[in-house]
Structure formats: C-alpha cells, structure tokens
C-alpha cells in the first residue's frame, strides 16, 4: 500500500489555524447576533410598557405633555384647522 500524500507540518498547522480562527469568528458573530435579537425583544417590551403607561396617564388626565424632570404637566390643546373658501 502506497503512502498517502501529506502536507508539511507547517502547511497543516497553517490551515488548521485558519479554520479554527474562522470557526471562532463565526461563533462570536452568532453570539452577537443572538444578543442583538434579545436586545430587540427587550426594546419592544419596553416600548409596550411605555405605551401602556402613556395610555393610563391619558385615561386619567386626558391629552397632556409631561416634564419628565419635574412631573409637571400641561394639557395639549389641538388647534382647529382653518378652512379657506
């Protein structure tokens, strides 16, 4: 049986390192992608909570503008549209 052709140790080590580095980079990218997805879900959840809080305030006080630093608020008055003839 004839010996199989082989890469040199240096060539083998070089290609093994390249494959290992690529696999490691893909793993890191996958982890980051997963973290980004989880962060997006958290943002959606926070937006829903904020919308619920705003709805609760609007049900209690009507349409208002709130100063988030002081808690003071004022009613929002919508201006009527003028109709030109």
N, C-alpha and C. Protein backbone atom coordinates (compact mmCIF):
# COMPACT_ATOMS: atom_id res chain seq x y z
N UNK A 1 0.84 -1.17 0.00
CA UNK A 1 0.00 0.00 0.00
C UNK A 1 0.89 1.24 0.00
N UNK A 2 0.60 2.17 -0.88
CA UNK A 2 1.42 3.37 -1.03
C UNK A 2 1.08 4.39 0.05
N UNK A 3 2.10 5.11 0.47
CA UNK A 3 1.87 6.18 1.44
C UNK A 3 1.01 7.26 0.81
N UNK A 4 0.12 7.83 1.60
CA UNK A 4 -0.72 8.93 1.12
C UNK A 4 0.10 10.21 1.12
N UNK A 5 -0.21 11.09 0.18
CA UNK A 5 0.47 12.39 0.12
C UNK A 5 0.01 13.22 1.31
N UNK A 6 0.93 13.93 1.90
CA UNK A 6 0.64 14.74 3.07
C UNK A 6 1.17 16.15 2.91
N UNK A 7 0.50 17.06 3.59
CA UNK A 7 1.01 18.43 3.69
C UNK A 7 2.19 18.42 4.65
N UNK A 8 2.99 19.45 4.55
CA UNK A 8 4.05 19.59 5.55
C UNK A 8 3.40 19.97 6.87
N UNK A 9 4.12 19.77 7.96
CA UNK A 9 3.60 20.14 9.28
C UNK A 9 3.23 21.62 9.31
N UNK A 10 4.07 22.45 8.72
CA UNK A 10 3.84 23.90 8.69
C UNK A 10 2.56 24.23 7.92
N UNK A 11 2.37 23.59 6.76
CA UNK A 11 1.17 23.84 5.95
C UNK A 11 -0.09 23.36 6.69
N UNK A 12 -0.01 22.19 7.31
CA UNK A 12 -1.13 21.65 8.05
C UNK A 12 -1.50 22.56 9.21
N UNK A 13 -0.50 22.99 9.96
CA UNK A 13 -0.72 23.88 11.10
C UNK A 13 -1.35 25.19 10.63
N UNK A 14 -0.88 25.72 9.51
CA UNK A 14 -1.40 26.98 8.97
C UNK A 14 -2.88 26.86 8.61
N UNK A 15 -3.26 25.79 7.92
CA UNK A 15 -4.66 25.62 7.52
C UNK A 15 -5.54 25.30 8.73
N UNK A 16 -5.03 24.56 9.69
CA UNK A 16 -5.79 24.27 10.91
C UNK A 16 -6.06 25.55 11.70
N UNK A 17 -5.06 26.40 11.77
CA UNK A 17 -5.21 27.68 12.47
C UNK A 17 -6.24 28.55 11.77
N UNK A 18 -6.17 28.60 10.43
CA UNK A 18 -7.13 29.42 9.66
C UNK A 18 -8.56 28.93 9.87
N UNK A 19 -8.77 27.62 9.83
CA UNK A 19 -10.11 27.05 10.03
C UNK A 19 -10.58 27.33 11.46
N UNK A 20 -9.70 27.16 12.41
CA UNK A 20 -10.05 27.41 13.81
C UNK A 20 -10.44 28.87 14.03
N UNK A 21 -9.66 29.78 13.45
CA UNK A 21 -9.96 31.21 13.58
C UNK A 21 -11.30 31.56 12.94
N UNK A 22 -11.58 30.98 11.78
CA UNK A 22 -12.85 31.23 11.10
C UNK A 22 -14.01 30.71 11.93
N UNK A 23 -13.88 29.51 12.47
CA UNK A 23 -14.94 28.94 13.31
C UNK A 23 -15.18 29.78 14.56
N UNK A 24 -14.09 30.27 15.14
CA UNK A 24 -14.20 31.11 16.33
C UNK A 24 -14.91 32.43 16.00
N UNK A 25 -14.57 33.01 14.86
CA UNK A 25 -15.21 34.26 14.44
C UNK A 25 -16.70 34.05 14.18
N UNK A 26 -17.05 32.92 13.57
CA UNK A 26 -18.46 32.60 13.32
C UNK A 26 -19.22 32.43 14.63
N UNK A 27 -18.60 31.81 15.60
CA UNK A 27 -19.22 31.63 16.91
C UNK A 27 -19.47 32.98 17.57
N UNK A 28 -18.47 33.84 17.54
CA UNK A 28 -18.61 35.18 18.12
C UNK A 28 -19.73 35.94 17.41
N UNK A 29 -19.75 35.87 16.09
CA UNK A 29 -20.79 36.55 15.31
C UNK A 29 -22.17 36.01 15.67
N UNK A 30 -22.29 34.71 15.82
CA UNK A 30 -23.57 34.11 16.22
C UNK A 30 -24.01 34.59 17.59
N UNK A 31 -23.06 34.65 18.53
CA UNK A 31 -23.37 35.14 19.88
C UNK A 31 -23.84 36.59 19.83
N UNK A 32 -23.16 37.42 19.05
CA UNK A 32 -23.54 38.83 18.94
C UNK A 32 -24.91 38.98 18.30
N UNK A 33 -25.17 38.16 17.30
CA UNK A 33 -26.47 38.20 16.64
C UNK A 33 -27.57 37.82 17.62
N UNK A 34 -27.31 36.82 18.43
CA UNK A 34 -28.27 36.39 19.44
C UNK A 34 -28.50 37.50 20.48
N UNK A 35 -27.43 38.16 20.90
CA UNK A 35 -27.56 39.26 21.85
C UNK A 35 -28.36 40.41 21.24
N UNK A 36 -28.13 40.70 19.97
CA UNK A 36 -28.87 41.77 19.29
C UNK A 36 -30.35 41.43 19.23
N UNK A 37 -30.67 40.17 18.95
CA UNK A 37 -32.07 39.74 18.89
C UNK A 37 -32.73 39.91 20.26
N UNK A 38 -32.03 39.49 21.32
CA UNK A 38 -32.58 39.63 22.66
C UNK A 38 -32.77 41.10 23.02
N UNK A 39 -31.84 41.95 22.61
CA UNK A 39 -31.96 43.39 22.88
C UNK A 39 -33.17 43.96 22.14
N UNK A 40 -33.41 43.50 20.91
CA UNK A 40 -34.57 43.97 20.16
C UNK A 40 -35.86 43.57 20.87
N UNK A 41 -35.91 42.35 21.40
CA UNK A 41 -37.09 41.91 22.13
C UNK A 41 -37.31 42.78 23.38
N UNK A 42 -36.22 43.13 24.06
CA UNK A 42 -36.33 43.98 25.24
C UNK A 42 -36.84 45.36 24.87
N UNK A 43 -36.38 45.90 23.76
CA UNK A 43 -36.83 47.22 23.31
C UNK A 43 -38.33 47.18 23.02
N UNK A 44 -38.77 46.14 22.33
CA UNK A 44 -40.20 46.01 22.02
C UNK A 44 -41.00 45.95 23.32
N UNK A 45 -40.54 45.17 24.28
CA UNK A 45 -41.22 45.05 25.56
C UNK A 45 -41.27 46.39 26.29
N UNK A 46 -40.18 47.12 26.27
CA UNK A 46 -40.12 48.43 26.92
C UNK A 46 -41.04 49.43 26.22
N UNK A 47 -41.09 49.38 24.90
CA UNK A 47 -41.99 50.27 24.16
C UNK A 47 -43.44 49.98 24.50
N UNK A 48 -43.79 48.69 24.65
CA UNK A 48 -45.15 48.31 25.02
C UNK A 48 -45.48 48.80 26.43
N UNK A 49 -44.53 48.68 27.35
CA UNK A 49 -44.73 49.16 28.73
C UNK A 49 -44.91 50.67 28.75
N UNK A 50 -44.11 51.38 27.95
CA UNK A 50 -44.23 52.83 27.89
C UNK A 50 -45.58 53.24 27.31
N UNK A 51 -46.02 52.55 26.25
CA UNK A 51 -47.31 52.86 25.64
C UNK A 51 -48.44 52.62 26.65
N UNK A 52 -48.34 51.56 27.44
CA UNK A 52 -49.36 51.29 28.46
C UNK A 52 -49.37 52.38 29.52
N UNK A 53 -48.20 52.83 29.94
CA UNK A 53 -48.10 53.90 30.93
C UNK A 53 -48.68 55.20 30.36
N UNK A 54 -48.38 55.49 29.11
CA UNK A 54 -48.91 56.70 28.48
C UNK A 54 -50.43 56.62 28.38
N UNK A 55 -50.95 55.46 28.03
CA UNK A 55 -52.40 55.27 27.91
C UNK A 55 -53.06 55.47 29.26
N UNK A 56 -52.46 54.93 30.30
CA UNK A 56 -53.00 55.09 31.65
C UNK A 56 -53.06 56.57 32.04
N UNK A 57 -51.98 57.30 31.76
CA UNK A 57 -51.95 58.73 32.07
C UNK A 57 -52.99 59.49 31.25
N UNK A 58 -53.11 59.12 29.98
CA UNK A 58 -54.07 59.79 29.12
C UNK A 58 -55.50 59.51 29.59
N UNK A 59 -55.77 58.29 30.04
CA UNK A 59 -57.09 57.97 30.56
C UNK A 59 -57.40 58.78 31.82
N UNK A 60 -56.39 59.03 32.62
CA UNK A 60 -56.58 59.77 33.88
C UNK A 60 -56.62 61.28 33.65
N UNK A 61 -55.69 61.81 32.85
CA UNK A 61 -55.53 63.26 32.73
C UNK A 61 -55.94 63.83 31.38
N UNK A 62 -56.23 62.99 30.43
CA UNK A 62 -56.50 63.47 29.08
C UNK A 62 -55.19 63.64 28.33
N UNK A 63 -55.25 64.40 27.25
CA UNK A 63 -54.05 64.62 26.44
C UNK A 63 -53.17 65.66 27.11
N UNK A 64 -51.99 65.21 27.59
CA UNK A 64 -51.09 66.11 28.32
C UNK A 64 -49.67 65.98 27.80
N UNK A 65 -48.87 66.99 28.15
CA UNK A 65 -47.44 66.97 27.91
C UNK A 65 -46.77 67.02 29.28
N UNK A 66 -45.89 66.06 29.55
CA UNK A 66 -45.29 65.93 30.88
C UNK A 66 -43.82 66.31 30.84
N UNK A 67 -43.41 67.11 31.83
CA UNK A 67 -41.99 67.39 32.03
C UNK A 67 -41.43 66.22 32.84
N UNK A 68 -40.60 65.40 32.22
CA UNK A 68 -40.10 64.20 32.89
C UNK A 68 -39.16 64.49 34.05
N UNK A 69 -38.65 65.70 34.14
CA UNK A 69 -37.76 66.06 35.25
C UNK A 69 -38.53 66.45 36.50
N UNK A 70 -39.67 67.12 36.31
CA UNK A 70 -40.40 67.65 37.47
C UNK A 70 -41.73 66.96 37.70
N UNK A 71 -42.27 66.30 36.70
CA UNK A 71 -43.59 65.70 36.83
C UNK A 71 -44.72 66.66 36.52
N UNK A 72 -44.38 67.91 36.26
CA UNK A 72 -45.40 68.89 35.92
C UNK A 72 -45.95 68.57 34.54
N UNK A 73 -47.22 68.87 34.35
CA UNK A 73 -47.82 68.61 33.05
C UNK A 73 -48.75 69.75 32.66
N UNK A 74 -49.01 69.81 31.39
CA UNK A 74 -49.99 70.78 30.89
C UNK A 74 -50.80 70.10 29.79
N UNK A 75 -52.02 70.56 29.68
CA UNK A 75 -52.90 69.98 28.67
C UNK A 75 -52.41 70.34 27.28
N UNK A 76 -52.57 69.40 26.38
CA UNK A 76 -52.23 69.64 24.98
C UNK A 76 -53.52 70.07 24.30
N UNK A 77 -53.47 71.28 23.73
CA UNK A 77 -54.65 71.80 23.05
C UNK A 77 -54.40 71.70 21.56
N UNK A 78 -55.28 70.96 20.90
CA UNK A 78 -55.16 70.83 19.47
C UNK A 78 -55.81 72.02 18.80
N UNK A 79 -55.09 72.61 17.88
CA UNK A 79 -55.64 73.75 17.17
C UNK A 79 -56.58 73.26 16.08
N UNK A 80 -57.69 73.98 15.94
CA UNK A 80 -58.66 73.63 14.89
C UNK A 80 -58.10 74.04 13.55
N UNK A 81 -58.41 73.23 12.55
CA UNK A 81 -57.96 73.57 11.20
C UNK A 81 -58.82 74.69 10.65
N UNK A 82 -58.18 75.59 9.96
CA UNK A 82 -58.96 76.65 9.32
C UNK A 82 -59.29 76.21 7.91
N UNK A 83 -60.53 76.47 7.54
CA UNK A 83 -60.99 76.07 6.20
C UNK A 83 -61.11 77.34 5.36
N UNK A 84 -60.41 77.36 4.25
CA UNK A 84 -60.48 78.52 3.37
C UNK A 84 -61.46 78.22 2.26
N UNK A 85 -62.28 79.22 1.93
CA UNK A 85 -63.26 79.03 0.88
C UNK A 85 -62.86 79.74 -0.37
